[in-house]
Amino acid sequence: MPREHRKRGRRAEQKKRKLEEEADNEAAHADEEPETKRQKHHDSTAHTGDGDELLVESTEVIPSKPEMPFYGMLVEEEHNYFRQADERLELNDFADPEDRSLFLASVYREAKGKELRMACSQSSSRLLERLIQLSTAAQLKQLFVTFTEQ
């Protein structure tokens, strides 16, 4: 008498049992009415009774990330100036507070119109952080007005 052909291995047996259980569950729940009237959200595949899967187009709209605006990059000379200004502010080697406030005013003049490009640069954004910490209320107001207008 010929032996029954069957796959060997634990995974094949588990897969076969799982398919049989799913078929039994579908048959048992086919006669029942749903308890709630809410529609269930289904994934993008539909299962047929014979184990095949059909791809179903989704009508769900997935929002994409808004693109980040690109404000440009600093030229090399500007980048060097802001790097040196950051180093000088870090060292804090000013004779008096008035000297530091004059230096901050000159940095603000140089940065006029380049604020968003500075914010996009890693090293210049550190300078902006220092400027925010050391600036007066009027300078801060002007800086944030510039950010909101652009």
N, C-alpha and C. Protein backbone atom coordinates (compact mmCIF):
# COMPACT_ATOMS: atom_id res chain seq x y z
N MET A 1 0.83 -1.16 0.00
CA MET A 1 0.00 0.00 0.00
C MET A 1 0.89 1.25 0.00
N PRO A 2 0.64 2.23 -0.90
CA PRO A 2 1.50 3.41 -0.96
C PRO A 2 1.29 4.32 0.24
N ARG A 3 2.36 4.94 0.64
CA ARG A 3 2.30 5.85 1.78
C ARG A 3 1.81 7.23 1.33
N GLU A 4 1.16 7.90 2.22
CA GLU A 4 0.66 9.24 1.93
C GLU A 4 1.85 10.20 1.82
N HIS A 5 1.84 11.01 0.76
CA HIS A 5 2.91 11.98 0.58
C HIS A 5 2.62 13.20 1.45
N ARG A 6 3.56 13.49 2.33
CA ARG A 6 3.37 14.65 3.17
C ARG A 6 4.71 15.36 3.34
N LYS A 7 4.62 16.66 3.56
CA LYS A 7 5.84 17.44 3.76
C LYS A 7 6.39 17.14 5.13
N ARG A 8 7.68 17.16 5.20
CA ARG A 8 8.32 16.92 6.48
C ARG A 8 8.71 18.24 7.09
N GLY A 9 8.75 18.28 8.38
CA GLY A 9 9.24 19.46 9.07
C GLY A 9 8.16 20.11 9.92
N ARG A 10 8.64 20.72 10.96
CA ARG A 10 7.75 21.33 11.94
C ARG A 10 7.03 22.55 11.37
N ARG A 11 7.73 23.38 10.59
CA ARG A 11 7.11 24.59 10.05
C ARG A 11 5.99 24.26 9.08
N ALA A 12 6.18 23.27 8.26
CA ALA A 12 5.14 22.88 7.31
C ALA A 12 3.90 22.40 8.06
N GLU A 13 4.10 21.64 9.13
CA GLU A 13 2.96 21.16 9.91
C GLU A 13 2.25 22.33 10.59
N GLN A 14 3.00 23.27 11.12
CA GLN A 14 2.38 24.42 11.77
C GLN A 14 1.59 25.26 10.77
N LYS A 15 2.13 25.45 9.58
CA LYS A 15 1.44 26.21 8.56
C LYS A 15 0.15 25.52 8.15
N LYS A 16 0.21 24.20 8.01
CA LYS A 16 -0.97 23.43 7.61
C LYS A 16 -2.04 23.55 8.70
N ARG A 17 -1.64 23.42 9.98
CA ARG A 17 -2.60 23.55 11.07
C ARG A 17 -3.22 24.94 11.12
N LYS A 18 -2.40 25.95 10.90
CA LYS A 18 -2.90 27.32 10.93
C LYS A 18 -3.92 27.56 9.83
N LEU A 19 -3.65 27.08 8.62
CA LEU A 19 -4.59 27.22 7.52
C LEU A 19 -5.90 26.50 7.81
N GLU A 20 -5.80 25.31 8.40
CA GLU A 20 -7.01 24.57 8.74
C GLU A 20 -7.83 25.30 9.81
N GLU A 21 -7.15 25.86 10.81
CA GLU A 21 -7.86 26.61 11.86
C GLU A 21 -8.54 27.84 11.30
N GLU A 22 -7.86 28.57 10.40
CA GLU A 22 -8.47 29.74 9.78
C GLU A 22 -9.69 29.37 8.97
N ALA A 23 -9.62 28.27 8.23
CA ALA A 23 -10.76 27.83 7.44
C ALA A 23 -11.92 27.44 8.36
N ASP A 24 -11.62 26.76 9.47
CA ASP A 24 -12.68 26.39 10.42
C ASP A 24 -13.31 27.64 11.04
N ASN A 25 -12.48 28.63 11.41
CA ASN A 25 -13.00 29.86 12.01
C ASN A 25 -13.88 30.64 11.03
N GLU A 26 -13.47 30.70 9.76
CA GLU A 26 -14.27 31.40 8.76
C GLU A 26 -15.60 30.70 8.56
N ALA A 27 -15.59 29.41 8.54
CA ALA A 27 -16.84 28.65 8.37
C ALA A 27 -17.74 28.83 9.58
N ALA A 28 -17.20 28.85 10.78
CA ALA A 28 -18.00 28.99 11.99
C ALA A 28 -18.58 30.40 12.10
N HIS A 29 -17.86 31.43 11.66
CA HIS A 29 -18.32 32.80 11.79
C HIS A 29 -19.12 33.27 10.59
N ALA A 30 -19.22 32.49 9.55
CA ALA A 30 -19.96 32.90 8.36
C ALA A 30 -21.45 33.01 8.65
N ASP A 31 -22.00 32.16 9.51
CA ASP A 31 -23.42 32.17 9.81
C ASP A 31 -23.80 33.23 10.84
N GLU A 32 -22.86 33.70 11.64
CA GLU A 32 -23.14 34.68 12.68
C GLU A 32 -23.25 36.08 12.10
N GLU A 33 -24.09 36.90 12.74
CA GLU A 33 -24.18 38.30 12.35
C GLU A 33 -23.20 39.10 13.21
N PRO A 34 -22.66 40.14 12.68
CA PRO A 34 -21.73 40.93 13.48
C PRO A 34 -22.45 41.57 14.67
N GLU A 35 -21.71 41.68 15.79
CA GLU A 35 -22.29 42.22 17.01
C GLU A 35 -22.47 43.72 16.92
N THR A 36 -21.59 44.41 16.25
CA THR A 36 -21.70 45.85 16.10
C THR A 36 -21.90 46.18 14.64
N LYS A 37 -22.40 47.37 14.38
CA LYS A 37 -22.65 47.77 13.02
C LYS A 37 -21.50 48.59 12.43
N ARG A 38 -20.42 48.70 13.18
CA ARG A 38 -19.24 49.41 12.67
C ARG A 38 -18.56 48.58 11.61
N GLN A 39 -18.06 49.27 10.62
CA GLN A 39 -17.31 48.58 9.59
C GLN A 39 -15.87 48.45 10.04
N LYS A 40 -15.33 47.31 9.82
CA LYS A 40 -13.94 47.08 10.19
C LYS A 40 -13.04 47.55 9.07
N HIS A 41 -11.88 48.06 9.45
CA HIS A 41 -10.89 48.50 8.48
C HIS A 41 -10.09 47.29 8.04
N HIS A 42 -10.04 47.07 6.74
CA HIS A 42 -9.31 45.92 6.20
C HIS A 42 -7.99 46.39 5.62
N ASP A 43 -7.04 45.48 5.56
CA ASP A 43 -5.75 45.82 4.96
C ASP A 43 -5.86 45.74 3.45
N SER A 44 -4.75 45.91 2.76
CA SER A 44 -4.77 46.00 1.30
C SER A 44 -4.78 44.64 0.61
N THR A 45 -4.97 43.55 1.32
CA THR A 45 -5.08 42.24 0.70
C THR A 45 -6.39 41.60 1.12
N ALA A 46 -6.98 40.91 0.21
CA ALA A 46 -8.20 40.18 0.51
C ALA A 46 -7.89 38.70 0.39
N HIS A 47 -8.40 37.91 1.31
CA HIS A 47 -8.12 36.49 1.31
C HIS A 47 -9.28 35.74 0.67
N THR A 48 -8.94 34.82 -0.21
CA THR A 48 -9.95 33.93 -0.77
C THR A 48 -9.92 32.66 0.04
N GLY A 49 -10.89 31.85 -0.13
CA GLY A 49 -10.99 30.63 0.67
C GLY A 49 -9.90 29.62 0.37
N ASP A 50 -9.27 29.68 -0.80
CA ASP A 50 -8.29 28.66 -1.16
C ASP A 50 -6.85 29.03 -0.81
N GLY A 51 -6.66 30.04 0.01
CA GLY A 51 -5.32 30.38 0.46
C GLY A 51 -4.62 31.41 -0.39
N ASP A 52 -5.21 31.79 -1.54
CA ASP A 52 -4.61 32.81 -2.39
C ASP A 52 -4.99 34.19 -1.85
N GLU A 53 -4.15 35.16 -2.17
CA GLU A 53 -4.43 36.52 -1.75
C GLU A 53 -4.60 37.39 -2.98
N LEU A 54 -5.55 38.30 -2.93
CA LEU A 54 -5.77 39.24 -4.00
C LEU A 54 -5.40 40.63 -3.50
N LEU A 55 -4.73 41.39 -4.34
CA LEU A 55 -4.42 42.76 -3.97
C LEU A 55 -5.62 43.63 -4.25
N VAL A 56 -5.96 44.48 -3.29
CA VAL A 56 -7.10 45.36 -3.42
C VAL A 56 -6.58 46.79 -3.35
N GLU A 57 -7.03 47.64 -4.26
CA GLU A 57 -6.58 49.03 -4.23
C GLU A 57 -7.22 49.74 -3.06
N SER A 58 -6.44 50.50 -2.37
CA SER A 58 -6.93 51.23 -1.21
C SER A 58 -7.41 52.60 -1.65
N THR A 59 -8.55 53.02 -1.13
CA THR A 59 -9.06 54.35 -1.43
C THR A 59 -8.63 55.34 -0.36
N GLU A 60 -7.89 54.85 0.62
CA GLU A 60 -7.43 55.68 1.72
C GLU A 60 -6.30 56.59 1.25
N VAL A 61 -6.41 57.87 1.58
CA VAL A 61 -5.39 58.84 1.20
C VAL A 61 -4.42 58.99 2.36
N ILE A 62 -3.16 58.73 2.08
CA ILE A 62 -2.13 58.83 3.11
C ILE A 62 -1.45 60.18 2.94
N PRO A 63 -1.51 61.02 3.98
CA PRO A 63 -0.87 62.33 3.84
C PRO A 63 0.64 62.18 3.79
N SER A 64 1.25 62.91 2.89
CA SER A 64 2.71 62.85 2.79
C SER A 64 3.30 63.98 3.60
N LYS A 65 4.58 63.84 3.92
CA LYS A 65 5.26 64.88 4.67
C LYS A 65 5.37 66.13 3.80
N PRO A 66 5.10 67.27 4.38
CA PRO A 66 5.30 68.49 3.58
C PRO A 66 6.78 68.68 3.34
N GLU A 67 7.11 69.13 2.16
CA GLU A 67 8.52 69.33 1.84
C GLU A 67 9.04 70.53 2.61
N MET A 68 10.24 70.38 3.14
CA MET A 68 10.86 71.47 3.87
C MET A 68 11.39 72.48 2.85
N PRO A 69 11.09 73.75 3.04
CA PRO A 69 11.61 74.75 2.10
C PRO A 69 13.12 74.89 2.24
N PHE A 70 13.75 75.16 1.14
CA PHE A 70 15.20 75.32 1.13
C PHE A 70 15.49 76.81 0.94
N TYR A 71 16.17 77.41 1.89
CA TYR A 71 16.42 78.84 1.86
C TYR A 71 17.80 79.18 1.31
N GLY A 72 18.55 78.20 0.90
CA GLY A 72 19.87 78.45 0.35
C GLY A 72 20.95 78.17 1.38
N MET A 73 22.18 78.33 0.93
CA MET A 73 23.33 78.09 1.81
C MET A 73 24.17 79.35 1.87
N LEU A 74 24.90 79.45 2.94
CA LEU A 74 25.82 80.57 3.10
C LEU A 74 27.02 80.35 2.19
N VAL A 75 27.54 81.44 1.65
CA VAL A 75 28.78 81.33 0.88
C VAL A 75 29.92 81.16 1.87
N GLU A 76 31.06 80.76 1.37
CA GLU A 76 32.20 80.43 2.24
C GLU A 76 32.63 81.60 3.11
N GLU A 77 32.64 82.80 2.55
CA GLU A 77 33.07 83.98 3.32
C GLU A 77 32.11 84.25 4.48
N GLU A 78 30.80 84.15 4.20
CA GLU A 78 29.80 84.37 5.25
C GLU A 78 29.94 83.30 6.33
N HIS A 79 30.12 82.08 5.88
CA HIS A 79 30.25 80.96 6.82
C HIS A 79 31.46 81.19 7.74
N ASN A 80 32.58 81.62 7.19
CA ASN A 80 33.78 81.89 7.99
C ASN A 80 33.55 83.03 8.98
N TYR A 81 32.87 84.09 8.51
CA TYR A 81 32.61 85.23 9.39
C TYR A 81 31.76 84.79 10.59
N PHE A 82 30.69 84.04 10.33
CA PHE A 82 29.81 83.62 11.42
C PHE A 82 30.50 82.62 12.34
N ARG A 83 31.39 81.80 11.79
CA ARG A 83 32.14 80.86 12.63
C ARG A 83 33.07 81.62 13.58
N GLN A 84 33.75 82.63 13.04
CA GLN A 84 34.64 83.44 13.88
C GLN A 84 33.85 84.24 14.93
N ALA A 85 32.69 84.74 14.55
CA ALA A 85 31.84 85.47 15.50
C ALA A 85 31.39 84.54 16.62
N ASP A 86 31.05 83.31 16.28
CA ASP A 86 30.64 82.34 17.30
C ASP A 86 31.79 82.03 18.25
N GLU A 87 32.99 81.86 17.71
CA GLU A 87 34.15 81.60 18.55
C GLU A 87 34.43 82.76 19.49
N ARG A 88 34.29 83.99 18.98
CA ARG A 88 34.56 85.16 19.83
C ARG A 88 33.51 85.27 20.93
N LEU A 89 32.24 85.00 20.60
CA LEU A 89 31.20 85.04 21.63
C LEU A 89 31.40 83.92 22.65
N GLU A 90 31.89 82.77 22.20
CA GLU A 90 32.15 81.66 23.13
C GLU A 90 33.27 82.02 24.10
N LEU A 91 34.33 82.66 23.60
CA LEU A 91 35.45 83.05 24.46
C LEU A 91 35.08 84.21 25.38
N ASN A 92 34.15 85.02 24.93
CA ASN A 92 33.67 86.17 25.70
C ASN A 92 34.85 87.08 26.10
N ASP A 93 35.71 87.39 25.13
CA ASP A 93 36.87 88.25 25.42
C ASP A 93 36.60 89.71 25.04
N PHE A 94 35.63 90.29 25.68
CA PHE A 94 35.27 91.69 25.44
C PHE A 94 35.74 92.52 26.63
N ALA A 95 36.14 93.74 26.34
CA ALA A 95 36.64 94.62 27.40
C ALA A 95 35.54 95.00 28.38
N ASP A 96 34.36 95.28 27.84
CA ASP A 96 33.24 95.65 28.70
C ASP A 96 31.92 95.26 28.01
N PRO A 97 30.80 95.34 28.70
CA PRO A 97 29.51 94.97 28.10
C PRO A 97 29.14 95.81 26.89
N GLU A 98 29.61 97.07 26.86
CA GLU A 98 29.31 97.93 25.71
C GLU A 98 30.00 97.41 24.46
N ASP A 99 31.24 96.93 24.61
CA ASP A 99 31.99 96.36 23.49
C ASP A 99 31.25 95.13 22.94
N ARG A 100 30.73 94.30 23.85
CA ARG A 100 29.99 93.11 23.42
C ARG A 100 28.70 93.50 22.69
N SER A 101 27.99 94.51 23.18
CA SER A 101 26.75 94.93 22.53
C SER A 101 27.02 95.50 21.14
N LEU A 102 28.15 96.23 20.96
CA LEU A 102 28.53 96.72 19.64
C LEU A 102 28.86 95.56 18.69
N PHE A 103 29.53 94.55 19.23
CA PHE A 103 29.85 93.37 18.43
C PHE A 103 28.57 92.65 18.00
N LEU A 104 27.62 92.50 18.93
CA LEU A 104 26.34 91.86 18.60
C LEU A 104 25.60 92.65 17.53
N ALA A 105 25.63 93.97 17.62
CA ALA A 105 24.96 94.80 16.62
C ALA A 105 25.59 94.61 15.25
N SER A 106 26.92 94.48 15.19
CA SER A 106 27.58 94.27 13.90
C SER A 106 27.26 92.88 13.34
N VAL A 107 27.13 91.89 14.22
CA VAL A 107 26.76 90.55 13.76
C VAL A 107 25.33 90.58 13.20
N TYR A 108 24.45 91.29 13.87
CA TYR A 108 23.07 91.42 13.37
C TYR A 108 23.04 92.12 12.01
N ARG A 109 23.86 93.16 11.82
CA ARG A 109 23.91 93.84 10.53
C ARG A 109 24.39 92.88 9.45
N GLU A 110 25.39 92.08 9.76
CA GLU A 110 25.92 91.12 8.77
C GLU A 110 24.91 90.02 8.48
N ALA A 111 24.12 89.66 9.46
CA ALA A 111 23.16 88.57 9.30
C ALA A 111 21.86 89.01 8.64
N LYS A 112 21.66 90.29 8.47
CA LYS A 112 20.40 90.80 7.91
C LYS A 112 20.11 90.15 6.55
N GLY A 113 18.97 89.51 6.45
CA GLY A 113 18.56 88.83 5.22
C GLY A 113 19.11 87.41 5.08
N LYS A 114 19.94 86.98 6.00
CA LYS A 114 20.56 85.65 5.92
C LYS A 114 20.14 84.77 7.10
N GLU A 115 19.15 85.21 7.85
CA GLU A 115 18.79 84.53 9.09
C GLU A 115 18.36 83.08 8.86
N LEU A 116 17.53 82.86 7.84
CA LEU A 116 17.05 81.50 7.60
C LEU A 116 18.16 80.60 7.04
N ARG A 117 19.05 81.17 6.26
CA ARG A 117 20.20 80.37 5.79
C ARG A 117 21.10 80.01 6.96
N MET A 118 21.22 80.92 7.92
CA MET A 118 22.01 80.63 9.12
C MET A 118 21.36 79.52 9.94
N ALA A 119 20.05 79.56 10.03
CA ALA A 119 19.34 78.55 10.81
C ALA A 119 19.49 77.17 10.19
N CYS A 120 19.64 77.10 8.87
CA CYS A 120 19.79 75.81 8.19
C CYS A 120 21.21 75.26 8.28
N SER A 121 22.17 76.09 8.64
CA SER A 121 23.56 75.66 8.77
C SER A 121 23.82 75.25 10.21
N GLN A 122 24.46 74.10 10.40
CA GLN A 122 24.69 73.58 11.75
C GLN A 122 25.56 74.51 12.58
N SER A 123 26.66 74.96 12.03
CA SER A 123 27.56 75.82 12.82
C SER A 123 26.96 77.21 13.03
N SER A 124 26.29 77.74 12.03
CA SER A 124 25.70 79.07 12.17
C SER A 124 24.47 79.05 13.07
N SER A 125 23.80 77.93 13.14
CA SER A 125 22.64 77.86 14.04
C SER A 125 23.10 77.93 15.50
N ARG A 126 24.30 77.44 15.77
CA ARG A 126 24.85 77.59 17.13
C ARG A 126 25.09 79.07 17.45
N LEU A 127 25.54 79.82 16.44
CA LEU A 127 25.70 81.26 16.63
C LEU A 127 24.35 81.91 16.90
N LEU A 128 23.32 81.50 16.16
CA LEU A 128 21.99 82.04 16.41
C LEU A 128 21.53 81.76 17.84
N GLU A 129 21.83 80.58 18.34
CA GLU A 129 21.47 80.26 19.73
C GLU A 129 22.17 81.21 20.70
N ARG A 130 23.45 81.47 20.46
CA ARG A 130 24.17 82.41 21.33
C ARG A 130 23.61 83.81 21.22
N LEU A 131 23.27 84.22 19.99
CA LEU A 131 22.69 85.54 19.79
C LEU A 131 21.37 85.68 20.55
N ILE A 132 20.57 84.64 20.52
CA ILE A 132 19.29 84.68 21.23
C ILE A 132 19.52 84.83 22.73
N GLN A 133 20.53 84.15 23.25
CA GLN A 133 20.82 84.26 24.69
C GLN A 133 21.34 85.63 25.08
N LEU A 134 22.12 86.27 24.22
CA LEU A 134 22.81 87.51 24.58
C LEU A 134 22.11 88.77 24.09
N SER A 135 21.06 88.64 23.28
CA SER A 135 20.44 89.80 22.65
C SER A 135 19.49 90.53 23.58
N THR A 136 19.23 91.78 23.20
CA THR A 136 18.25 92.58 23.92
C THR A 136 16.85 92.21 23.42
N ALA A 137 15.85 92.71 24.11
CA ALA A 137 14.47 92.40 23.72
C ALA A 137 14.15 92.93 22.33
N ALA A 138 14.65 94.12 22.01
CA ALA A 138 14.39 94.70 20.69
C ALA A 138 15.05 93.87 19.58
N GLN A 139 16.27 93.41 19.83
CA GLN A 139 16.96 92.57 18.83
C GLN A 139 16.24 91.25 18.65
N LEU A 140 15.77 90.67 19.74
CA LEU A 140 15.05 89.40 19.65
C LEU A 140 13.75 89.57 18.88
N LYS A 141 13.05 90.66 19.15
CA LYS A 141 11.79 90.91 18.46
C LYS A 141 12.04 91.02 16.96
N GLN A 142 13.04 91.77 16.57
CA GLN A 142 13.36 91.93 15.15
C GLN A 142 13.74 90.60 14.52
N LEU A 143 14.50 89.78 15.22
CA LEU A 143 14.91 88.47 14.70
C LEU A 143 13.70 87.57 14.46
N PHE A 144 12.80 87.52 15.43
CA PHE A 144 11.64 86.63 15.28
C PHE A 144 10.62 87.18 14.29
N VAL A 145 10.54 88.48 14.15
CA VAL A 145 9.68 89.05 13.10
C VAL A 145 10.24 88.65 11.74
N THR A 146 11.54 88.69 11.61
CA THR A 146 12.18 88.27 10.34
C THR A 146 11.88 86.81 10.05
N PHE A 147 11.94 85.96 11.06
CA PHE A 147 11.64 84.53 10.85
C PHE A 147 10.19 84.32 10.42
N THR A 148 9.27 85.04 11.00
CA THR A 148 7.86 84.83 10.66
C THR A 148 7.49 85.42 9.32
N GLU A 149 8.18 86.46 8.87
CA GLU A 149 7.87 87.06 7.58
C GLU A 149 8.37 86.24 6.42
N GLN A 150 9.44 85.51 6.57
CA GLN A 150 10.03 84.79 5.44
C GLN A 150 9.47 83.44 5.27
